[in-house]
Amino acid sequence: MLIHIGFGNIVNTSKIIAIVSPESAPIKRLVQNAKEKGLAIDATQGRKTKSVMVMENSQVVLSALLPETIAGRVQAGVEGAEDGQEEGEVG
């Protein structure tokens, strides 16, 4: 299932391990290390990073949406799929 993470960017929810706030020092280090290794995908369009998605393949995706917003979209997509909506259709 795919979800919109802001500014026309979409991620595969089945590849997300965690959605976290970028404020703590360990997450800041994780993001910096990913940038140095070329494993960071910046989907913020120049806005402040409000959430970091850690993916299965060690990549991190940066988003300008709050973690709660993204988690809500993931949950809505899961519930929608159970209710018979097409995969990737949110809401």
N, C-alpha and C. Protein backbone atom coordinates (compact mmCIF):
# COMPACT_ATOMS: atom_id res chain seq x y z
N MET A 1 0.83 -1.16 0.00
CA MET A 1 0.00 0.00 0.00
C MET A 1 0.89 1.25 0.00
N LEU A 2 0.47 2.26 -0.71
CA LEU A 2 1.21 3.51 -0.81
C LEU A 2 0.49 4.61 -0.05
N ILE A 3 1.26 5.51 0.59
CA ILE A 3 0.66 6.67 1.25
C ILE A 3 1.38 7.94 0.85
N HIS A 4 0.64 9.02 0.87
CA HIS A 4 1.16 10.35 0.54
C HIS A 4 1.85 10.92 1.78
N ILE A 5 3.09 11.39 1.63
CA ILE A 5 3.83 11.94 2.77
C ILE A 5 4.11 13.44 2.60
N GLY A 6 3.37 14.06 1.70
CA GLY A 6 3.50 15.51 1.51
C GLY A 6 4.17 15.89 0.22
N PHE A 7 3.68 16.97 -0.40
CA PHE A 7 4.27 17.56 -1.59
C PHE A 7 4.37 16.59 -2.76
N GLY A 8 3.40 15.72 -2.89
CA GLY A 8 3.36 14.78 -4.01
C GLY A 8 4.28 13.58 -3.85
N ASN A 9 4.83 13.39 -2.68
CA ASN A 9 5.73 12.27 -2.43
C ASN A 9 4.95 11.11 -1.80
N ILE A 10 5.28 9.91 -2.23
CA ILE A 10 4.55 8.72 -1.81
C ILE A 10 5.55 7.63 -1.41
N VAL A 11 5.22 6.90 -0.33
CA VAL A 11 6.08 5.78 0.09
C VAL A 11 5.25 4.51 0.23
N ASN A 12 5.96 3.40 0.15
CA ASN A 12 5.36 2.08 0.30
C ASN A 12 5.30 1.76 1.80
N THR A 13 4.10 1.62 2.33
CA THR A 13 3.96 1.40 3.77
C THR A 13 4.52 0.06 4.24
N SER A 14 4.57 -0.91 3.35
CA SER A 14 5.07 -2.22 3.77
C SER A 14 6.59 -2.22 4.00
N LYS A 15 7.27 -1.17 3.60
CA LYS A 15 8.72 -1.07 3.78
C LYS A 15 9.11 -0.21 4.98
N ILE A 16 8.13 0.41 5.65
CA ILE A 16 8.41 1.29 6.79
C ILE A 16 8.60 0.45 8.06
N ILE A 17 9.72 0.68 8.75
CA ILE A 17 9.97 0.03 10.03
C ILE A 17 9.50 0.94 11.17
N ALA A 18 9.81 2.24 11.07
CA ALA A 18 9.44 3.17 12.14
C ALA A 18 9.21 4.56 11.56
N ILE A 19 8.35 5.32 12.25
CA ILE A 19 8.12 6.73 11.93
C ILE A 19 8.41 7.47 13.22
N VAL A 20 9.45 8.30 13.22
CA VAL A 20 9.91 8.93 14.46
C VAL A 20 10.09 10.43 14.28
N SER A 21 10.12 11.12 15.40
CA SER A 21 10.40 12.56 15.43
C SER A 21 11.91 12.76 15.26
N PRO A 22 12.32 13.80 14.55
CA PRO A 22 13.75 14.02 14.30
C PRO A 22 14.47 14.78 15.41
N GLU A 23 13.82 15.02 16.54
CA GLU A 23 14.36 15.90 17.57
C GLU A 23 15.46 15.30 18.43
N SER A 24 15.45 13.99 18.67
CA SER A 24 16.44 13.40 19.59
C SER A 24 17.81 13.28 18.93
N ALA A 25 18.83 13.29 19.75
CA ALA A 25 20.20 13.19 19.25
C ALA A 25 20.45 11.88 18.49
N PRO A 26 19.97 10.73 18.96
CA PRO A 26 20.21 9.50 18.20
C PRO A 26 19.58 9.53 16.79
N ILE A 27 18.40 10.14 16.67
CA ILE A 27 17.76 10.22 15.35
C ILE A 27 18.51 11.21 14.48
N LYS A 28 18.99 12.30 15.05
CA LYS A 28 19.80 13.26 14.29
C LYS A 28 21.05 12.59 13.75
N ARG A 29 21.69 11.74 14.57
CA ARG A 29 22.88 11.00 14.12
C ARG A 29 22.51 10.01 13.02
N LEU A 30 21.38 9.33 13.19
CA LEU A 30 20.91 8.38 12.18
C LEU A 30 20.73 9.07 10.83
N VAL A 31 20.08 10.24 10.86
CA VAL A 31 19.84 11.00 9.62
C VAL A 31 21.16 11.47 9.02
N GLN A 32 22.06 11.99 9.84
CA GLN A 32 23.35 12.47 9.34
C GLN A 32 24.16 11.33 8.72
N ASN A 33 24.17 10.17 9.37
CA ASN A 33 24.88 9.01 8.82
C ASN A 33 24.26 8.57 7.49
N ALA A 34 22.93 8.59 7.42
CA ALA A 34 22.25 8.20 6.17
C ALA A 34 22.59 9.18 5.06
N LYS A 35 22.65 10.48 5.38
CA LYS A 35 23.01 11.48 4.36
C LYS A 35 24.43 11.24 3.85
N GLU A 36 25.35 10.95 4.77
CA GLU A 36 26.75 10.70 4.38
C GLU A 36 26.88 9.48 3.49
N LYS A 37 26.05 8.47 3.72
CA LYS A 37 26.10 7.23 2.93
C LYS A 37 25.21 7.27 1.70
N GLY A 38 24.49 8.37 1.50
CA GLY A 38 23.60 8.48 0.36
C GLY A 38 22.32 7.68 0.52
N LEU A 39 21.91 7.42 1.75
CA LEU A 39 20.72 6.61 2.02
C LEU A 39 19.55 7.45 2.52
N ALA A 40 19.67 8.78 2.47
CA ALA A 40 18.60 9.65 2.93
C ALA A 40 17.81 10.16 1.73
N ILE A 41 16.51 10.12 1.85
CA ILE A 41 15.62 10.66 0.83
C ILE A 41 14.89 11.83 1.46
N ASP A 42 15.16 13.03 0.96
CA ASP A 42 14.57 14.24 1.52
C ASP A 42 13.30 14.58 0.77
N ALA A 43 12.15 14.36 1.41
CA ALA A 43 10.85 14.65 0.79
C ALA A 43 10.21 15.88 1.44
N THR A 44 11.04 16.78 1.99
CA THR A 44 10.51 17.94 2.72
C THR A 44 10.29 19.15 1.82
N GLN A 45 10.82 19.14 0.62
CA GLN A 45 10.74 20.28 -0.30
C GLN A 45 11.25 21.56 0.37
N GLY A 46 12.33 21.45 1.13
CA GLY A 46 12.94 22.61 1.76
C GLY A 46 12.31 23.04 3.07
N ARG A 47 11.27 22.37 3.50
CA ARG A 47 10.62 22.70 4.77
C ARG A 47 11.34 22.01 5.92
N LYS A 48 10.94 22.35 7.14
CA LYS A 48 11.54 21.73 8.32
C LYS A 48 11.15 20.25 8.38
N THR A 49 12.11 19.41 8.70
CA THR A 49 11.85 17.98 8.85
C THR A 49 11.09 17.75 10.15
N LYS A 50 9.89 17.16 10.04
CA LYS A 50 9.08 16.90 11.23
C LYS A 50 8.96 15.41 11.53
N SER A 51 9.32 14.56 10.55
CA SER A 51 9.32 13.12 10.82
C SER A 51 10.37 12.43 9.97
N VAL A 52 10.83 11.32 10.51
CA VAL A 52 11.83 10.49 9.83
C VAL A 52 11.25 9.08 9.75
N MET A 53 11.20 8.55 8.53
CA MET A 53 10.74 7.17 8.35
C MET A 53 11.96 6.30 8.11
N VAL A 54 12.12 5.30 8.93
CA VAL A 54 13.21 4.34 8.78
C VAL A 54 12.64 3.19 7.96
N MET A 55 13.31 2.89 6.84
CA MET A 55 12.83 1.89 5.91
C MET A 55 13.59 0.58 6.07
N GLU A 56 13.04 -0.51 5.52
CA GLU A 56 13.65 -1.84 5.61
C GLU A 56 15.07 -1.90 5.07
N ASN A 57 15.36 -1.15 4.01
CA ASN A 57 16.64 -1.24 3.33
C ASN A 57 17.68 -0.25 3.89
N SER A 58 17.49 0.20 5.12
CA SER A 58 18.39 1.13 5.82
C SER A 58 18.30 2.55 5.30
N GLN A 59 17.41 2.82 4.38
CA GLN A 59 17.20 4.19 3.94
C GLN A 59 16.35 4.91 4.97
N VAL A 60 16.48 6.24 5.00
CA VAL A 60 15.60 7.06 5.82
C VAL A 60 14.93 8.07 4.90
N VAL A 61 13.64 8.29 5.14
CA VAL A 61 12.88 9.25 4.36
C VAL A 61 12.49 10.38 5.30
N LEU A 62 12.82 11.61 4.91
CA LEU A 62 12.51 12.78 5.71
C LEU A 62 11.24 13.42 5.17
N SER A 63 10.33 13.77 6.07
CA SER A 63 9.06 14.37 5.66
C SER A 63 8.77 15.62 6.49
N ALA A 64 8.04 16.55 5.90
CA ALA A 64 7.61 17.76 6.60
C ALA A 64 6.30 17.55 7.35
N LEU A 65 5.73 16.36 7.26
CA LEU A 65 4.51 16.05 8.00
C LEU A 65 4.87 15.47 9.37
N LEU A 66 4.00 15.68 10.34
CA LEU A 66 4.22 15.13 11.68
C LEU A 66 4.09 13.60 11.66
N PRO A 67 4.82 12.92 12.55
CA PRO A 67 4.71 11.45 12.62
C PRO A 67 3.27 10.99 12.83
N GLU A 68 2.51 11.72 13.64
CA GLU A 68 1.12 11.36 13.91
C GLU A 68 0.28 11.42 12.64
N THR A 69 0.55 12.40 11.79
CA THR A 69 -0.19 12.54 10.52
C THR A 69 0.09 11.35 9.61
N ILE A 70 1.36 11.00 9.48
CA ILE A 70 1.73 9.88 8.62
C ILE A 70 1.17 8.58 9.18
N ALA A 71 1.30 8.38 10.49
CA ALA A 71 0.78 7.16 11.11
C ALA A 71 -0.73 7.07 10.91
N GLY A 72 -1.42 8.19 11.02
CA GLY A 72 -2.86 8.19 10.78
C GLY A 72 -3.20 7.80 9.36
N ARG A 73 -2.42 8.26 8.39
CA ARG A 73 -2.66 7.89 7.00
C ARG A 73 -2.38 6.41 6.76
N VAL A 74 -1.34 5.90 7.41
CA VAL A 74 -1.05 4.47 7.30
C VAL A 74 -2.21 3.67 7.88
N GLN A 75 -2.66 4.06 9.07
CA GLN A 75 -3.75 3.35 9.72
C GLN A 75 -5.03 3.43 8.90
N ALA A 76 -5.33 4.61 8.36
CA ALA A 76 -6.53 4.77 7.52
C ALA A 76 -6.43 3.89 6.28
N GLY A 77 -5.24 3.78 5.72
CA GLY A 77 -5.04 2.94 4.55
C GLY A 77 -5.23 1.47 4.86
N VAL A 78 -4.75 1.04 6.02
CA VAL A 78 -4.90 -0.35 6.45
C VAL A 78 -6.37 -0.66 6.69
N GLU A 79 -7.06 0.23 7.38
CA GLU A 79 -8.48 0.02 7.65
C GLU A 79 -9.29 0.06 6.36
N GLY A 80 -8.90 0.96 5.44
CA GLY A 80 -9.58 1.05 4.16
C GLY A 80 -9.41 -0.20 3.33
N ALA A 81 -8.22 -0.77 3.38
CA ALA A 81 -7.95 -2.01 2.63
C ALA A 81 -8.80 -3.15 3.20
N GLU A 82 -8.98 -3.15 4.51
CA GLU A 82 -9.81 -4.18 5.14
C GLU A 82 -11.28 -3.99 4.77
N ASP A 83 -11.67 -2.74 4.51
CA ASP A 83 -13.05 -2.43 4.15
C ASP A 83 -13.32 -2.58 2.66
N GLY A 84 -12.31 -2.95 1.89
CA GLY A 84 -12.51 -3.21 0.47
C GLY A 84 -12.12 -2.09 -0.47
N GLN A 85 -11.45 -1.01 0.05
CA GLN A 85 -10.98 0.03 -0.85
C GLN A 85 -9.83 -0.50 -1.68
N GLU A 86 -9.59 0.17 -2.79
CA GLU A 86 -8.45 -0.18 -3.62
C GLU A 86 -7.16 0.12 -2.86
N GLU A 87 -6.13 -0.66 -3.10
CA GLU A 87 -4.86 -0.45 -2.45
C GLU A 87 -4.31 0.92 -2.86
N GLY A 88 -3.81 1.69 -1.88
CA GLY A 88 -3.25 3.00 -2.15
C GLY A 88 -4.29 4.11 -2.04
N GLU A 89 -5.55 3.76 -1.97
CA GLU A 89 -6.62 4.75 -1.83
C GLU A 89 -6.78 5.05 -0.34
N VAL A 90 -6.58 6.29 0.04
CA VAL A 90 -6.64 6.66 1.45
C VAL A 90 -7.91 7.45 1.70
N GLY A 91 -8.61 7.11 2.78
CA GLY A 91 -9.76 7.90 3.19
C GLY A 91 -11.02 7.30 2.80
